[in-house]
Amino acid sequence: MPVPPLLIEIRPNCALSVRGAQLFFALASIAPLAIATFLTVRGFWPVLPFAGAELALLGWALHGSLERRHHRQSIWVTEEAVRVEVCRKGHAREVVFPRHWARVKLHRPAARLHPSRLTIESHGRQCELGSFLTEEERRGLALRLQRLIGRVDESPLLAVGTP
């Protein structure tokens, strides 16, 4: 009896909704616009473009933050293969590794304050996972994947309901 594939899906934490971002932008715009308007009326009109640039930068940052809602990484582990699907804004990329030859590696950071890198590798190909996770979450995912995939030339049995 074949074991159904195990699915691990990871997404960035995006607690801010579109409505919440709009409200935040509106509230954050009040003070700079009020000060710029007051100073413009007093004759200090060069302040107005700087206030506009400040709000444009804030809008750009909020837009970038909201775009992360559409990022997702799905990892399917079967008896034969490990399939990773990376989706960003509707564009999906899929990488398939033979499970028997795949290995999970947690690379140390190049510098002390940089994050580690979690990859699945096989036959000269690699796929990075969880770049948006915290260090603790990335280590936990690495341990879980190492238990499911095993080392090179080792394929542990997949148990139904594996946590």
N, C-alpha and C. Protein backbone atom coordinates (compact mmCIF):
# COMPACT_ATOMS: atom_id res chain seq x y z
N MET A 1 0.84 -1.18 0.00
CA MET A 1 0.00 0.00 0.00
C MET A 1 0.88 1.24 0.00
N PRO A 2 0.78 2.11 -1.02
CA PRO A 2 1.63 3.29 -1.09
C PRO A 2 1.28 4.30 0.00
N VAL A 3 2.33 4.93 0.51
CA VAL A 3 2.16 5.96 1.53
C VAL A 3 1.87 7.28 0.82
N PRO A 4 0.85 8.02 1.26
CA PRO A 4 0.57 9.32 0.61
C PRO A 4 1.72 10.29 0.84
N PRO A 5 1.93 11.22 -0.09
CA PRO A 5 3.03 12.18 0.09
C PRO A 5 2.80 13.08 1.30
N LEU A 6 3.90 13.41 1.96
CA LEU A 6 3.85 14.34 3.09
C LEU A 6 4.08 15.74 2.55
N LEU A 7 3.26 16.68 2.98
CA LEU A 7 3.36 18.06 2.49
C LEU A 7 3.75 18.98 3.64
N ILE A 8 4.76 19.79 3.38
CA ILE A 8 5.15 20.87 4.30
C ILE A 8 5.02 22.15 3.50
N GLU A 9 4.21 23.08 3.99
CA GLU A 9 4.03 24.35 3.31
C GLU A 9 4.49 25.47 4.23
N ILE A 10 5.35 26.32 3.72
CA ILE A 10 5.85 27.44 4.52
C ILE A 10 5.56 28.75 3.80
N ARG A 11 5.21 29.75 4.59
CA ARG A 11 4.89 31.09 4.09
C ARG A 11 5.49 32.12 5.04
N PRO A 12 5.79 33.31 4.52
CA PRO A 12 6.25 34.37 5.42
C PRO A 12 5.12 34.84 6.33
N ASN A 13 5.48 35.33 7.48
CA ASN A 13 4.49 35.87 8.40
C ASN A 13 4.09 37.27 7.91
N CYS A 14 2.87 37.40 7.45
CA CYS A 14 2.37 38.68 6.94
C CYS A 14 1.09 39.03 7.67
N ALA A 15 1.23 39.60 8.83
CA ALA A 15 0.07 39.90 9.67
C ALA A 15 -0.69 41.14 9.22
N LEU A 16 -0.05 41.98 8.42
CA LEU A 16 -0.67 43.23 7.99
C LEU A 16 -1.58 42.98 6.80
N SER A 17 -2.84 43.35 6.94
CA SER A 17 -3.79 43.21 5.84
C SER A 17 -3.71 44.44 4.93
N VAL A 18 -4.32 44.35 3.76
CA VAL A 18 -4.33 45.49 2.84
C VAL A 18 -5.05 46.67 3.49
N ARG A 19 -6.18 46.40 4.12
CA ARG A 19 -6.93 47.46 4.81
C ARG A 19 -6.11 48.07 5.94
N GLY A 20 -5.41 47.23 6.69
CA GLY A 20 -4.56 47.72 7.77
C GLY A 20 -3.42 48.58 7.25
N ALA A 21 -2.84 48.20 6.11
CA ALA A 21 -1.76 48.98 5.51
C ALA A 21 -2.28 50.33 5.03
N GLN A 22 -3.47 50.34 4.45
CA GLN A 22 -4.06 51.61 4.00
C GLN A 22 -4.33 52.54 5.18
N LEU A 23 -4.85 51.98 6.25
CA LEU A 23 -5.13 52.78 7.45
C LEU A 23 -3.82 53.30 8.05
N PHE A 24 -2.81 52.45 8.13
CA PHE A 24 -1.52 52.88 8.66
C PHE A 24 -0.93 54.00 7.81
N PHE A 25 -0.99 53.84 6.48
CA PHE A 25 -0.44 54.87 5.59
C PHE A 25 -1.17 56.19 5.77
N ALA A 26 -2.50 56.12 5.88
CA ALA A 26 -3.29 57.34 6.05
C ALA A 26 -2.93 58.03 7.37
N LEU A 27 -2.83 57.25 8.44
CA LEU A 27 -2.50 57.85 9.74
C LEU A 27 -1.07 58.39 9.77
N ALA A 28 -0.15 57.65 9.13
CA ALA A 28 1.25 58.09 9.11
C ALA A 28 1.45 59.32 8.22
N SER A 29 0.52 59.56 7.31
CA SER A 29 0.62 60.70 6.40
C SER A 29 0.16 62.01 7.03
N ILE A 30 -0.64 61.93 8.05
CA ILE A 30 -1.23 63.14 8.64
C ILE A 30 -0.18 64.12 9.13
N ALA A 31 0.76 63.68 9.96
CA ALA A 31 1.75 64.59 10.55
C ALA A 31 2.67 65.20 9.48
N PRO A 32 3.29 64.41 8.59
CA PRO A 32 4.17 65.04 7.59
C PRO A 32 3.43 66.02 6.67
N LEU A 33 2.21 65.67 6.28
CA LEU A 33 1.46 66.57 5.40
C LEU A 33 1.02 67.84 6.13
N ALA A 34 0.65 67.70 7.39
CA ALA A 34 0.25 68.88 8.17
C ALA A 34 1.44 69.83 8.36
N ILE A 35 2.59 69.28 8.70
CA ILE A 35 3.78 70.12 8.90
C ILE A 35 4.21 70.74 7.57
N ALA A 36 4.21 69.95 6.49
CA ALA A 36 4.62 70.47 5.18
C ALA A 36 3.66 71.57 4.70
N THR A 37 2.37 71.36 4.94
CA THR A 37 1.39 72.38 4.54
C THR A 37 1.61 73.67 5.33
N PHE A 38 1.79 73.53 6.64
CA PHE A 38 2.02 74.70 7.50
C PHE A 38 3.26 75.47 7.04
N LEU A 39 4.36 74.74 6.79
CA LEU A 39 5.59 75.40 6.38
C LEU A 39 5.49 75.99 4.97
N THR A 40 4.73 75.33 4.08
CA THR A 40 4.54 75.85 2.72
C THR A 40 3.77 77.17 2.77
N VAL A 41 2.74 77.23 3.61
CA VAL A 41 1.97 78.47 3.77
C VAL A 41 2.87 79.58 4.31
N ARG A 42 3.84 79.26 5.14
CA ARG A 42 4.76 80.25 5.72
C ARG A 42 5.88 80.63 4.75
N GLY A 43 5.91 80.00 3.57
CA GLY A 43 6.92 80.36 2.57
C GLY A 43 8.05 79.36 2.42
N PHE A 44 8.06 78.33 3.20
CA PHE A 44 9.12 77.31 3.09
C PHE A 44 8.65 76.17 2.18
N TRP A 45 8.35 76.50 0.93
CA TRP A 45 7.79 75.53 0.00
C TRP A 45 8.72 74.36 -0.32
N PRO A 46 10.08 74.47 -0.20
CA PRO A 46 10.93 73.32 -0.51
C PRO A 46 10.69 72.11 0.41
N VAL A 47 9.97 72.30 1.49
CA VAL A 47 9.68 71.19 2.40
C VAL A 47 8.69 70.21 1.76
N LEU A 48 7.82 70.71 0.91
CA LEU A 48 6.76 69.89 0.32
C LEU A 48 7.28 68.70 -0.50
N PRO A 49 8.28 68.87 -1.37
CA PRO A 49 8.78 67.70 -2.10
C PRO A 49 9.41 66.64 -1.19
N PHE A 50 10.05 67.08 -0.11
CA PHE A 50 10.65 66.13 0.81
C PHE A 50 9.57 65.32 1.54
N ALA A 51 8.48 65.98 1.90
CA ALA A 51 7.37 65.25 2.53
C ALA A 51 6.77 64.25 1.55
N GLY A 52 6.64 64.66 0.28
CA GLY A 52 6.13 63.74 -0.74
C GLY A 52 7.06 62.55 -0.93
N ALA A 53 8.38 62.80 -0.94
CA ALA A 53 9.36 61.71 -1.09
C ALA A 53 9.29 60.76 0.10
N GLU A 54 9.11 61.31 1.30
CA GLU A 54 9.00 60.49 2.50
C GLU A 54 7.79 59.57 2.42
N LEU A 55 6.65 60.11 1.99
CA LEU A 55 5.43 59.31 1.88
C LEU A 55 5.53 58.29 0.74
N ALA A 56 6.20 58.66 -0.35
CA ALA A 56 6.41 57.71 -1.46
C ALA A 56 7.27 56.54 -1.00
N LEU A 57 8.29 56.82 -0.21
CA LEU A 57 9.14 55.75 0.32
C LEU A 57 8.37 54.84 1.27
N LEU A 58 7.54 55.43 2.12
CA LEU A 58 6.71 54.64 3.02
C LEU A 58 5.74 53.76 2.23
N GLY A 59 5.12 54.32 1.19
CA GLY A 59 4.20 53.55 0.35
C GLY A 59 4.90 52.41 -0.36
N TRP A 60 6.12 52.65 -0.84
CA TRP A 60 6.91 51.61 -1.51
C TRP A 60 7.23 50.47 -0.53
N ALA A 61 7.63 50.83 0.69
CA ALA A 61 7.96 49.82 1.71
C ALA A 61 6.72 49.00 2.09
N LEU A 62 5.59 49.64 2.26
CA LEU A 62 4.35 48.92 2.57
C LEU A 62 3.94 47.99 1.43
N HIS A 63 4.08 48.46 0.21
CA HIS A 63 3.76 47.63 -0.95
C HIS A 63 4.65 46.38 -0.99
N GLY A 64 5.93 46.56 -0.76
CA GLY A 64 6.86 45.43 -0.72
C GLY A 64 6.51 44.44 0.39
N SER A 65 6.12 44.96 1.52
CA SER A 65 5.72 44.10 2.64
C SER A 65 4.46 43.31 2.30
N LEU A 66 3.50 43.96 1.66
CA LEU A 66 2.26 43.27 1.29
C LEU A 66 2.47 42.23 0.19
N GLU A 67 3.46 42.43 -0.68
CA GLU A 67 3.74 41.47 -1.75
C GLU A 67 4.18 40.12 -1.19
N ARG A 68 4.78 40.11 -0.02
CA ARG A 68 5.24 38.85 0.59
C ARG A 68 4.09 37.91 0.91
N ARG A 69 2.85 38.44 0.95
CA ARG A 69 1.69 37.57 1.21
C ARG A 69 1.55 36.50 0.15
N HIS A 70 2.07 36.76 -1.05
CA HIS A 70 1.89 35.84 -2.17
C HIS A 70 3.03 34.84 -2.31
N HIS A 71 4.00 34.86 -1.40
CA HIS A 71 5.12 33.92 -1.45
C HIS A 71 4.74 32.65 -0.69
N ARG A 72 5.15 31.50 -1.26
CA ARG A 72 4.85 30.21 -0.63
C ARG A 72 5.87 29.20 -1.12
N GLN A 73 6.26 28.30 -0.23
CA GLN A 73 7.11 27.18 -0.60
C GLN A 73 6.44 25.90 -0.12
N SER A 74 6.23 24.97 -1.03
CA SER A 74 5.60 23.69 -0.71
C SER A 74 6.62 22.59 -0.95
N ILE A 75 6.73 21.69 0.02
CA ILE A 75 7.67 20.57 -0.08
C ILE A 75 6.88 19.28 0.05
N TRP A 76 6.90 18.47 -1.00
CA TRP A 76 6.25 17.16 -0.97
C TRP A 76 7.33 16.10 -0.87
N VAL A 77 7.18 15.22 0.11
CA VAL A 77 8.13 14.13 0.28
C VAL A 77 7.38 12.82 0.03
N THR A 78 7.83 12.07 -0.98
CA THR A 78 7.27 10.75 -1.27
C THR A 78 8.37 9.71 -1.10
N GLU A 79 8.02 8.46 -1.32
CA GLU A 79 9.02 7.39 -1.21
C GLU A 79 10.13 7.57 -2.23
N GLU A 80 9.81 8.14 -3.40
CA GLU A 80 10.78 8.25 -4.49
C GLU A 80 11.44 9.61 -4.62
N ALA A 81 10.72 10.69 -4.28
CA ALA A 81 11.23 12.02 -4.61
C ALA A 81 10.90 13.05 -3.55
N VAL A 82 11.62 14.15 -3.63
CA VAL A 82 11.34 15.36 -2.84
C VAL A 82 11.07 16.44 -3.88
N ARG A 83 9.88 16.99 -3.84
CA ARG A 83 9.47 18.01 -4.82
C ARG A 83 9.27 19.33 -4.08
N VAL A 84 9.93 20.36 -4.56
CA VAL A 84 9.83 21.69 -3.96
C VAL A 84 9.21 22.63 -4.99
N GLU A 85 8.13 23.29 -4.59
CA GLU A 85 7.48 24.27 -5.45
C GLU A 85 7.59 25.63 -4.77
N VAL A 86 8.17 26.58 -5.49
CA VAL A 86 8.34 27.94 -4.98
C VAL A 86 7.42 28.85 -5.77
N CYS A 87 6.47 29.50 -5.09
CA CYS A 87 5.51 30.40 -5.76
C CYS A 87 5.72 31.83 -5.26
N ARG A 88 5.82 32.73 -6.22
CA ARG A 88 5.93 34.17 -5.92
C ARG A 88 5.05 34.92 -6.89
N LYS A 89 4.03 35.57 -6.39
CA LYS A 89 3.12 36.38 -7.20
C LYS A 89 2.58 35.61 -8.40
N GLY A 90 2.17 34.40 -8.19
CA GLY A 90 1.56 33.62 -9.27
C GLY A 90 2.54 32.89 -10.16
N HIS A 91 3.83 33.14 -10.03
CA HIS A 91 4.84 32.44 -10.82
C HIS A 91 5.39 31.29 -9.98
N ALA A 92 5.25 30.07 -10.50
CA ALA A 92 5.71 28.90 -9.77
C ALA A 92 6.93 28.30 -10.44
N ARG A 93 7.83 27.82 -9.61
CA ARG A 93 9.03 27.11 -10.08
C ARG A 93 9.10 25.81 -9.28
N GLU A 94 9.34 24.72 -9.96
CA GLU A 94 9.35 23.42 -9.29
C GLU A 94 10.69 22.74 -9.50
N VAL A 95 11.22 22.15 -8.43
CA VAL A 95 12.47 21.40 -8.49
C VAL A 95 12.18 20.04 -7.86
N VAL A 96 12.60 18.98 -8.55
CA VAL A 96 12.37 17.62 -8.05
C VAL A 96 13.73 16.96 -7.83
N PHE A 97 13.90 16.38 -6.64
CA PHE A 97 15.13 15.67 -6.30
C PHE A 97 14.79 14.21 -6.03
N PRO A 98 15.63 13.26 -6.47
CA PRO A 98 15.42 11.87 -6.06
C PRO A 98 15.69 11.76 -4.56
N ARG A 99 14.75 11.26 -3.83
CA ARG A 99 14.85 11.24 -2.35
C ARG A 99 16.06 10.48 -1.87
N HIS A 100 16.39 9.41 -2.55
CA HIS A 100 17.50 8.56 -2.11
C HIS A 100 18.84 9.30 -2.17
N TRP A 101 18.96 10.30 -3.06
CA TRP A 101 20.22 11.02 -3.22
C TRP A 101 20.16 12.46 -2.70
N ALA A 102 19.02 12.88 -2.23
CA ALA A 102 18.88 14.26 -1.74
C ALA A 102 19.48 14.39 -0.35
N ARG A 103 19.98 15.56 -0.07
CA ARG A 103 20.47 15.84 1.28
C ARG A 103 20.05 17.24 1.69
N VAL A 104 19.76 17.36 2.96
CA VAL A 104 19.36 18.64 3.55
C VAL A 104 20.60 19.24 4.21
N LYS A 105 20.91 20.49 3.87
CA LYS A 105 22.08 21.14 4.45
C LYS A 105 21.68 22.49 5.04
N LEU A 106 22.14 22.74 6.22
CA LEU A 106 21.97 24.04 6.86
C LEU A 106 23.34 24.70 6.85
N HIS A 107 23.53 25.66 5.94
CA HIS A 107 24.83 26.31 5.77
C HIS A 107 25.00 27.40 6.81
N ARG A 108 26.17 27.43 7.40
CA ARG A 108 26.47 28.49 8.37
C ARG A 108 26.53 29.83 7.66
N PRO A 109 26.20 30.89 8.39
CA PRO A 109 26.25 32.23 7.76
C PRO A 109 27.68 32.67 7.49
N ALA A 110 27.86 33.49 6.47
CA ALA A 110 29.18 34.01 6.13
C ALA A 110 29.69 34.98 7.20
N ALA A 111 28.78 35.72 7.79
CA ALA A 111 29.13 36.67 8.85
C ALA A 111 28.23 36.38 10.06
N ARG A 112 28.68 36.81 11.21
CA ARG A 112 27.99 36.47 12.46
C ARG A 112 26.53 36.92 12.49
N LEU A 113 26.22 38.06 11.96
CA LEU A 113 24.86 38.59 12.05
C LEU A 113 23.98 38.21 10.85
N HIS A 114 24.53 37.47 9.90
CA HIS A 114 23.75 37.03 8.74
C HIS A 114 22.99 35.75 9.06
N PRO A 115 21.89 35.49 8.36
CA PRO A 115 21.14 34.25 8.62
C PRO A 115 21.81 33.05 7.95
N SER A 116 21.50 31.87 8.46
CA SER A 116 21.98 30.65 7.83
C SER A 116 21.16 30.41 6.56
N ARG A 117 21.58 29.44 5.75
CA ARG A 117 20.86 29.08 4.52
C ARG A 117 20.50 27.60 4.59
N LEU A 118 19.24 27.29 4.34
CA LEU A 118 18.76 25.92 4.32
C LEU A 118 18.55 25.51 2.87
N THR A 119 19.21 24.41 2.46
CA THR A 119 19.06 23.96 1.08
C THR A 119 18.80 22.46 1.04
N ILE A 120 18.16 22.04 -0.04
CA ILE A 120 18.09 20.64 -0.41
C ILE A 120 18.95 20.52 -1.65
N GLU A 121 19.86 19.53 -1.65
CA GLU A 121 20.81 19.39 -2.74
C GLU A 121 20.85 17.97 -3.25
N SER A 122 21.13 17.84 -4.56
CA SER A 122 21.31 16.53 -5.18
C SER A 122 21.82 16.72 -6.59
N HIS A 123 22.80 15.93 -6.98
CA HIS A 123 23.33 15.91 -8.34
C HIS A 123 23.72 17.31 -8.84
N GLY A 124 24.35 18.09 -8.00
CA GLY A 124 24.82 19.41 -8.40
C GLY A 124 23.77 20.50 -8.44
N ARG A 125 22.54 20.17 -8.09
CA ARG A 125 21.47 21.18 -8.05
C ARG A 125 21.12 21.44 -6.59
N GLN A 126 20.61 22.63 -6.34
CA GLN A 126 20.17 22.95 -4.98
C GLN A 126 18.98 23.90 -5.03
N CYS A 127 18.21 23.89 -3.95
CA CYS A 127 17.05 24.76 -3.82
C CYS A 127 17.05 25.29 -2.39
N GLU A 128 17.06 26.62 -2.26
CA GLU A 128 17.05 27.22 -0.93
C GLU A 128 15.62 27.28 -0.41
N LEU A 129 15.47 26.97 0.87
CA LEU A 129 14.16 26.97 1.53
C LEU A 129 14.16 27.91 2.71
N GLY A 130 13.01 28.52 2.98
CA GLY A 130 12.78 29.26 4.21
C GLY A 130 13.66 30.46 4.44
N SER A 131 14.03 31.18 3.39
CA SER A 131 14.87 32.36 3.60
C SER A 131 14.16 33.43 4.42
N PHE A 132 12.84 33.36 4.49
CA PHE A 132 12.04 34.33 5.24
C PHE A 132 11.75 33.87 6.67
N LEU A 133 12.20 32.68 7.04
CA LEU A 133 11.96 32.16 8.39
C LEU A 133 12.96 32.73 9.38
N THR A 134 12.61 32.67 10.66
CA THR A 134 13.56 33.05 11.70
C THR A 134 14.60 31.94 11.80
N GLU A 135 15.70 32.22 12.45
CA GLU A 135 16.77 31.23 12.60
C GLU A 135 16.27 29.97 13.29
N GLU A 136 15.48 30.14 14.33
CA GLU A 136 14.95 29.00 15.07
C GLU A 136 14.00 28.17 14.20
N GLU A 137 13.14 28.84 13.44
CA GLU A 137 12.21 28.13 12.56
C GLU A 137 12.97 27.39 11.45
N ARG A 138 14.03 28.01 10.94
CA ARG A 138 14.84 27.38 9.89
C ARG A 138 15.53 26.13 10.42
N ARG A 139 16.06 26.18 11.63
CA ARG A 139 16.70 25.00 12.23
C ARG A 139 15.68 23.88 12.45
N GLY A 140 14.48 24.25 12.92
CA GLY A 140 13.43 23.25 13.12
C GLY A 140 13.01 22.59 11.82
N LEU A 141 12.88 23.38 10.76
CA LEU A 141 12.53 22.83 9.45
C LEU A 141 13.65 21.92 8.94
N ALA A 142 14.89 22.31 9.16
CA ALA A 142 16.02 21.48 8.73
C ALA A 142 15.99 20.13 9.44
N LEU A 143 15.75 20.13 10.74
CA LEU A 143 15.69 18.86 11.48
C LEU A 143 14.54 17.98 10.99
N ARG A 144 13.40 18.59 10.76
CA ARG A 144 12.24 17.82 10.28
C ARG A 144 12.52 17.21 8.90
N LEU A 145 13.10 18.01 8.01
CA LEU A 145 13.41 17.50 6.68
C LEU A 145 14.50 16.43 6.72
N GLN A 146 15.48 16.59 7.59
CA GLN A 146 16.53 15.58 7.72
C GLN A 146 15.95 14.25 8.20
N ARG A 147 14.97 14.29 9.10
CA ARG A 147 14.32 13.05 9.55
C ARG A 147 13.53 12.40 8.43
N LEU A 148 12.86 13.23 7.59
CA LEU A 148 12.03 12.70 6.51
C LEU A 148 12.85 12.20 5.33
N ILE A 149 13.89 12.96 4.95
CA ILE A 149 14.65 12.64 3.75
C ILE A 149 15.82 11.71 4.06
N GLY A 150 16.44 11.89 5.20
CA GLY A 150 17.61 11.08 5.55
C GLY A 150 18.87 11.65 4.92
N ARG A 151 19.96 10.87 5.06
CA ARG A 151 21.23 11.28 4.45
C ARG A 151 21.29 10.72 3.03
N VAL A 152 22.36 11.10 2.32
CA VAL A 152 22.55 10.57 0.97
C VAL A 152 22.66 9.05 1.09
N ASP A 153 22.04 8.36 0.18
CA ASP A 153 22.05 6.89 0.12
C ASP A 153 21.29 6.27 1.29
N GLU A 154 20.33 7.03 1.84
CA GLU A 154 19.52 6.53 2.96
C GLU A 154 18.14 7.12 2.80
N SER A 155 17.13 6.29 2.86
CA SER A 155 15.75 6.77 2.74
C SER A 155 14.93 6.20 3.88
N PRO A 156 14.72 6.95 4.95
CA PRO A 156 13.92 6.43 6.07
C PRO A 156 12.49 6.17 5.61
N LEU A 157 11.84 5.26 6.28
CA LEU A 157 10.44 4.96 5.97
C LEU A 157 9.58 6.17 6.30
N LEU A 158 8.66 6.46 5.42
CA LEU A 158 7.71 7.56 5.67
C LEU A 158 6.55 6.99 6.46
N ALA A 159 6.28 7.58 7.60
CA ALA A 159 5.15 7.16 8.42
C ALA A 159 3.99 8.11 8.18
N VAL A 160 2.80 7.57 8.08
CA VAL A 160 1.61 8.40 7.91
C VAL A 160 1.41 9.19 9.19
N GLY A 161 1.17 10.49 9.06
CA GLY A 161 0.93 11.33 10.23
C GLY A 161 2.22 11.78 10.90
N THR A 162 3.36 11.76 10.19
CA THR A 162 4.61 12.24 10.75
C THR A 162 4.51 13.73 11.04
N PRO A 163 4.88 14.17 12.26
CA PRO A 163 4.75 15.60 12.58
C PRO A 163 5.74 16.44 11.82
